[in-house]
Amino acid sequence: MQAISVSEARQNFKKYCDDVVENNDIIIVSRNGNGKENMVWIDLTVYNELQKAKENLNYLTKLEESYKQLDEGKVVVKTMEELEAMANE
């Protein structure tokens, strides 16, 4: 992991892009000098993995809520015929 300034990022953009892609490095670009938040450069594969993990977490959160509702008796029972009728509406 490297921390660099925006100026350093500009001056050596290709080098840092290569570091991220070829070495799986993470680059923190400090933008504090102008009052803006810092940013992070990561490889696209890492980004996609993070997005997938976020989706999985959202799914698990919904599943946990469903189990909680089940435990509290907040369920609706439908027959297969009723479900099929709902699908056709």
N, C-alpha and C. Protein backbone atom coordinates (compact mmCIF):
# COMPACT_ATOMS: atom_id res chain seq x y z
N MET A 1 0.86 -1.17 0.00
CA MET A 1 0.00 0.00 0.00
C MET A 1 0.90 1.23 0.00
N GLN A 2 0.52 2.17 -0.85
CA GLN A 2 1.27 3.41 -0.95
C GLN A 2 0.33 4.59 -0.74
N ALA A 3 0.84 5.64 -0.13
CA ALA A 3 0.07 6.89 0.00
C ALA A 3 0.84 7.97 -0.73
N ILE A 4 0.15 8.63 -1.66
CA ILE A 4 0.80 9.66 -2.47
C ILE A 4 -0.10 10.89 -2.55
N SER A 5 0.48 11.99 -2.99
CA SER A 5 -0.29 13.21 -3.19
C SER A 5 -0.85 13.24 -4.61
N VAL A 6 -1.76 14.14 -4.86
CA VAL A 6 -2.31 14.31 -6.20
C VAL A 6 -1.21 14.69 -7.16
N SER A 7 -0.31 15.56 -6.73
CA SER A 7 0.81 15.98 -7.59
C SER A 7 1.67 14.79 -7.98
N GLU A 8 1.98 13.94 -7.00
CA GLU A 8 2.77 12.74 -7.28
C GLU A 8 2.01 11.82 -8.23
N ALA A 9 0.71 11.70 -8.04
CA ALA A 9 -0.11 10.86 -8.93
C ALA A 9 -0.05 11.38 -10.36
N ARG A 10 -0.14 12.69 -10.52
CA ARG A 10 -0.08 13.28 -11.85
C ARG A 10 1.28 13.04 -12.51
N GLN A 11 2.33 13.24 -11.74
CA GLN A 11 3.68 13.14 -12.30
C GLN A 11 4.04 11.71 -12.69
N ASN A 12 3.52 10.73 -11.97
CA ASN A 12 3.90 9.33 -12.20
C ASN A 12 2.68 8.44 -12.40
N PHE A 13 1.70 8.96 -13.13
CA PHE A 13 0.43 8.26 -13.31
C PHE A 13 0.62 6.84 -13.83
N LYS A 14 1.38 6.66 -14.91
CA LYS A 14 1.58 5.34 -15.50
C LYS A 14 2.23 4.39 -14.51
N LYS A 15 3.23 4.86 -13.78
CA LYS A 15 3.93 4.01 -12.80
C LYS A 15 2.95 3.48 -11.76
N TYR A 16 2.11 4.36 -11.23
CA TYR A 16 1.16 3.94 -10.20
C TYR A 16 0.07 3.04 -10.76
N CYS A 17 -0.35 3.29 -12.00
CA CYS A 17 -1.31 2.39 -12.64
C CYS A 17 -0.70 1.00 -12.78
N ASP A 18 0.56 0.95 -13.20
CA ASP A 18 1.26 -0.34 -13.32
C ASP A 18 1.38 -1.01 -11.96
N ASP A 19 1.70 -0.25 -10.92
CA ASP A 19 1.81 -0.82 -9.58
C ASP A 19 0.50 -1.47 -9.15
N VAL A 20 -0.60 -0.81 -9.44
CA VAL A 20 -1.91 -1.33 -9.06
C VAL A 20 -2.24 -2.60 -9.84
N VAL A 21 -2.08 -2.55 -11.15
CA VAL A 21 -2.49 -3.66 -11.99
C VAL A 21 -1.52 -4.84 -11.92
N GLU A 22 -0.23 -4.56 -11.99
CA GLU A 22 0.77 -5.63 -12.07
C GLU A 22 1.15 -6.20 -10.71
N ASN A 23 1.10 -5.37 -9.66
CA ASN A 23 1.56 -5.81 -8.34
C ASN A 23 0.44 -5.90 -7.31
N ASN A 24 -0.80 -5.71 -7.76
CA ASN A 24 -1.95 -5.69 -6.84
C ASN A 24 -1.76 -4.71 -5.70
N ASP A 25 -1.08 -3.62 -5.99
CA ASP A 25 -0.85 -2.60 -4.98
C ASP A 25 -2.11 -1.76 -4.81
N ILE A 26 -2.22 -1.13 -3.68
CA ILE A 26 -3.32 -0.20 -3.40
C ILE A 26 -2.69 1.17 -3.21
N ILE A 27 -3.22 2.15 -3.91
CA ILE A 27 -2.67 3.50 -3.85
C ILE A 27 -3.71 4.42 -3.20
N ILE A 28 -3.31 5.07 -2.13
CA ILE A 28 -4.15 6.09 -1.50
C ILE A 28 -3.68 7.44 -2.01
N VAL A 29 -4.59 8.17 -2.64
CA VAL A 29 -4.25 9.48 -3.16
C VAL A 29 -4.81 10.52 -2.20
N SER A 30 -3.90 11.25 -1.58
CA SER A 30 -4.28 12.26 -0.60
C SER A 30 -4.68 13.54 -1.32
N ARG A 31 -5.91 14.00 -1.03
CA ARG A 31 -6.40 15.25 -1.62
C ARG A 31 -6.69 16.27 -0.53
N ASN A 32 -6.10 16.09 0.64
CA ASN A 32 -6.40 16.96 1.78
C ASN A 32 -5.99 18.40 1.57
N GLY A 33 -5.02 18.64 0.73
CA GLY A 33 -4.55 20.00 0.50
C GLY A 33 -5.63 20.94 0.01
N ASN A 34 -6.62 20.42 -0.69
CA ASN A 34 -7.69 21.28 -1.22
C ASN A 34 -9.04 21.01 -0.55
N GLY A 35 -9.01 20.39 0.62
CA GLY A 35 -10.22 20.18 1.38
C GLY A 35 -11.10 19.03 0.91
N LYS A 36 -10.63 18.22 0.00
CA LYS A 36 -11.42 17.10 -0.51
C LYS A 36 -10.98 15.80 0.15
N GLU A 37 -11.86 14.81 0.11
CA GLU A 37 -11.57 13.51 0.70
C GLU A 37 -10.52 12.76 -0.11
N ASN A 38 -9.80 11.86 0.56
CA ASN A 38 -8.83 11.02 -0.12
C ASN A 38 -9.54 10.01 -0.99
N MET A 39 -8.80 9.39 -1.90
CA MET A 39 -9.36 8.36 -2.75
C MET A 39 -8.40 7.19 -2.81
N VAL A 40 -8.89 6.06 -3.33
CA VAL A 40 -8.08 4.85 -3.39
C VAL A 40 -8.11 4.31 -4.81
N TRP A 41 -6.93 3.92 -5.31
CA TRP A 41 -6.84 3.23 -6.60
C TRP A 41 -6.66 1.75 -6.31
N ILE A 42 -7.53 0.93 -6.91
CA ILE A 42 -7.41 -0.51 -6.77
C ILE A 42 -7.61 -1.16 -8.14
N ASP A 43 -7.15 -2.38 -8.25
CA ASP A 43 -7.30 -3.16 -9.48
C ASP A 43 -8.77 -3.48 -9.70
N LEU A 44 -9.19 -3.58 -10.96
CA LEU A 44 -10.58 -3.87 -11.29
C LEU A 44 -11.04 -5.20 -10.71
N THR A 45 -10.17 -6.19 -10.68
CA THR A 45 -10.53 -7.49 -10.11
C THR A 45 -10.86 -7.35 -8.63
N VAL A 46 -10.07 -6.57 -7.91
CA VAL A 46 -10.31 -6.33 -6.49
C VAL A 46 -11.63 -5.59 -6.32
N TYR A 47 -11.87 -4.59 -7.15
CA TYR A 47 -13.12 -3.83 -7.09
C TYR A 47 -14.32 -4.76 -7.30
N ASN A 48 -14.23 -5.62 -8.32
CA ASN A 48 -15.34 -6.55 -8.59
C ASN A 48 -15.58 -7.49 -7.43
N GLU A 49 -14.50 -7.95 -6.78
CA GLU A 49 -14.64 -8.81 -5.61
C GLU A 49 -15.32 -8.07 -4.46
N LEU A 50 -14.97 -6.81 -4.28
CA LEU A 50 -15.61 -6.00 -3.23
C LEU A 50 -17.09 -5.81 -3.52
N GLN A 51 -17.43 -5.57 -4.78
CA GLN A 51 -18.83 -5.41 -5.15
C GLN A 51 -19.61 -6.69 -4.90
N LYS A 52 -19.01 -7.83 -5.23
CA LYS A 52 -19.66 -9.12 -5.01
C LYS A 52 -19.85 -9.36 -3.51
N ALA A 53 -18.84 -9.02 -2.71
CA ALA A 53 -18.95 -9.17 -1.26
C ALA A 53 -20.07 -8.28 -0.72
N LYS A 54 -20.19 -7.09 -1.26
CA LYS A 54 -21.26 -6.17 -0.85
C LYS A 54 -22.63 -6.75 -1.18
N GLU A 55 -22.77 -7.33 -2.38
CA GLU A 55 -24.03 -7.96 -2.76
C GLU A 55 -24.35 -9.13 -1.83
N ASN A 56 -23.33 -9.92 -1.51
CA ASN A 56 -23.54 -11.07 -0.62
C ASN A 56 -23.95 -10.60 0.77
N LEU A 57 -23.35 -9.52 1.24
CA LEU A 57 -23.71 -8.98 2.55
C LEU A 57 -25.15 -8.49 2.55
N ASN A 58 -25.56 -7.82 1.47
CA ASN A 58 -26.95 -7.38 1.36
C ASN A 58 -27.90 -8.57 1.38
N TYR A 59 -27.55 -9.63 0.67
CA TYR A 59 -28.37 -10.83 0.64
C TYR A 59 -28.47 -11.45 2.04
N LEU A 60 -27.32 -11.55 2.72
CA LEU A 60 -27.32 -12.13 4.06
C LEU A 60 -28.13 -11.29 5.05
N THR A 61 -28.08 -9.99 4.90
CA THR A 61 -28.86 -9.09 5.76
C THR A 61 -30.35 -9.34 5.55
N LYS A 62 -30.77 -9.48 4.29
CA LYS A 62 -32.17 -9.76 4.00
C LYS A 62 -32.57 -11.14 4.54
N LEU A 63 -31.69 -12.11 4.39
CA LEU A 63 -31.97 -13.45 4.89
C LEU A 63 -32.11 -13.44 6.41
N GLU A 64 -31.23 -12.71 7.08
CA GLU A 64 -31.30 -12.60 8.54
C GLU A 64 -32.62 -11.96 8.97
N GLU A 65 -33.06 -10.93 8.25
CA GLU A 65 -34.34 -10.28 8.55
C GLU A 65 -35.49 -11.26 8.35
N SER A 66 -35.40 -12.09 7.32
CA SER A 66 -36.45 -13.09 7.07
C SER A 66 -36.53 -14.09 8.22
N TYR A 67 -35.38 -14.55 8.69
CA TYR A 67 -35.38 -15.48 9.83
C TYR A 67 -35.97 -14.83 11.08
N LYS A 68 -35.67 -13.56 11.26
CA LYS A 68 -36.22 -12.83 12.42
C LYS A 68 -37.74 -12.77 12.31
N GLN A 69 -38.25 -12.47 11.12
CA GLN A 69 -39.69 -12.42 10.92
C GLN A 69 -40.32 -13.79 11.14
N LEU A 70 -39.64 -14.83 10.70
CA LEU A 70 -40.13 -16.19 10.91
C LEU A 70 -40.22 -16.50 12.40
N ASP A 71 -39.17 -16.17 13.15
CA ASP A 71 -39.16 -16.40 14.59
C ASP A 71 -40.27 -15.64 15.30
N GLU A 72 -40.62 -14.46 14.78
CA GLU A 72 -41.66 -13.63 15.39
C GLU A 72 -43.06 -14.03 14.91
N GLY A 73 -43.12 -15.02 14.04
CA GLY A 73 -44.42 -15.46 13.54
C GLY A 73 -45.02 -14.56 12.48
N LYS A 74 -44.24 -13.69 11.91
CA LYS A 74 -44.71 -12.77 10.88
C LYS A 74 -44.55 -13.43 9.50
N VAL A 75 -45.37 -14.43 9.26
CA VAL A 75 -45.29 -15.17 8.01
C VAL A 75 -46.66 -15.24 7.35
N VAL A 76 -46.64 -15.46 6.06
CA VAL A 76 -47.86 -15.66 5.29
C VAL A 76 -47.72 -17.00 4.61
N VAL A 77 -48.72 -17.84 4.75
CA VAL A 77 -48.68 -19.17 4.15
C VAL A 77 -49.55 -19.15 2.89
N LYS A 78 -48.97 -19.59 1.77
CA LYS A 78 -49.68 -19.66 0.50
C LYS A 78 -49.53 -21.05 -0.08
N THR A 79 -50.56 -21.51 -0.74
CA THR A 79 -50.46 -22.78 -1.46
C THR A 79 -49.75 -22.53 -2.78
N MET A 80 -49.32 -23.60 -3.43
CA MET A 80 -48.67 -23.47 -4.72
C MET A 80 -49.61 -22.82 -5.73
N GLU A 81 -50.87 -23.17 -5.68
CA GLU A 81 -51.85 -22.61 -6.60
C GLU A 81 -51.99 -21.10 -6.39
N GLU A 82 -52.00 -20.68 -5.14
CA GLU A 82 -52.09 -19.24 -4.85
C GLU A 82 -50.86 -18.51 -5.36
N LEU A 83 -49.69 -19.09 -5.20
CA LEU A 83 -48.46 -18.47 -5.68
C LEU A 83 -48.46 -18.37 -7.21
N GLU A 84 -48.90 -19.44 -7.86
CA GLU A 84 -48.97 -19.41 -9.33
C GLU A 84 -49.95 -18.37 -9.81
N ALA A 85 -51.07 -18.23 -9.12
CA ALA A 85 -52.06 -17.21 -9.49
C ALA A 85 -51.48 -15.82 -9.33
N MET A 86 -50.70 -15.62 -8.27
CA MET A 86 -50.06 -14.30 -8.06
C MET A 86 -49.06 -14.02 -9.18
N ALA A 87 -48.34 -15.03 -9.64
CA ALA A 87 -47.35 -14.85 -10.68
C ALA A 87 -47.99 -14.47 -12.01
N ASN A 88 -49.23 -14.90 -12.21
CA ASN A 88 -49.92 -14.63 -13.47
C ASN A 88 -50.67 -13.30 -13.47
N GLU A 89 -50.68 -12.61 -12.36
CA GLU A 89 -51.42 -11.33 -12.27
C GLU A 89 -50.67 -10.24 -12.98
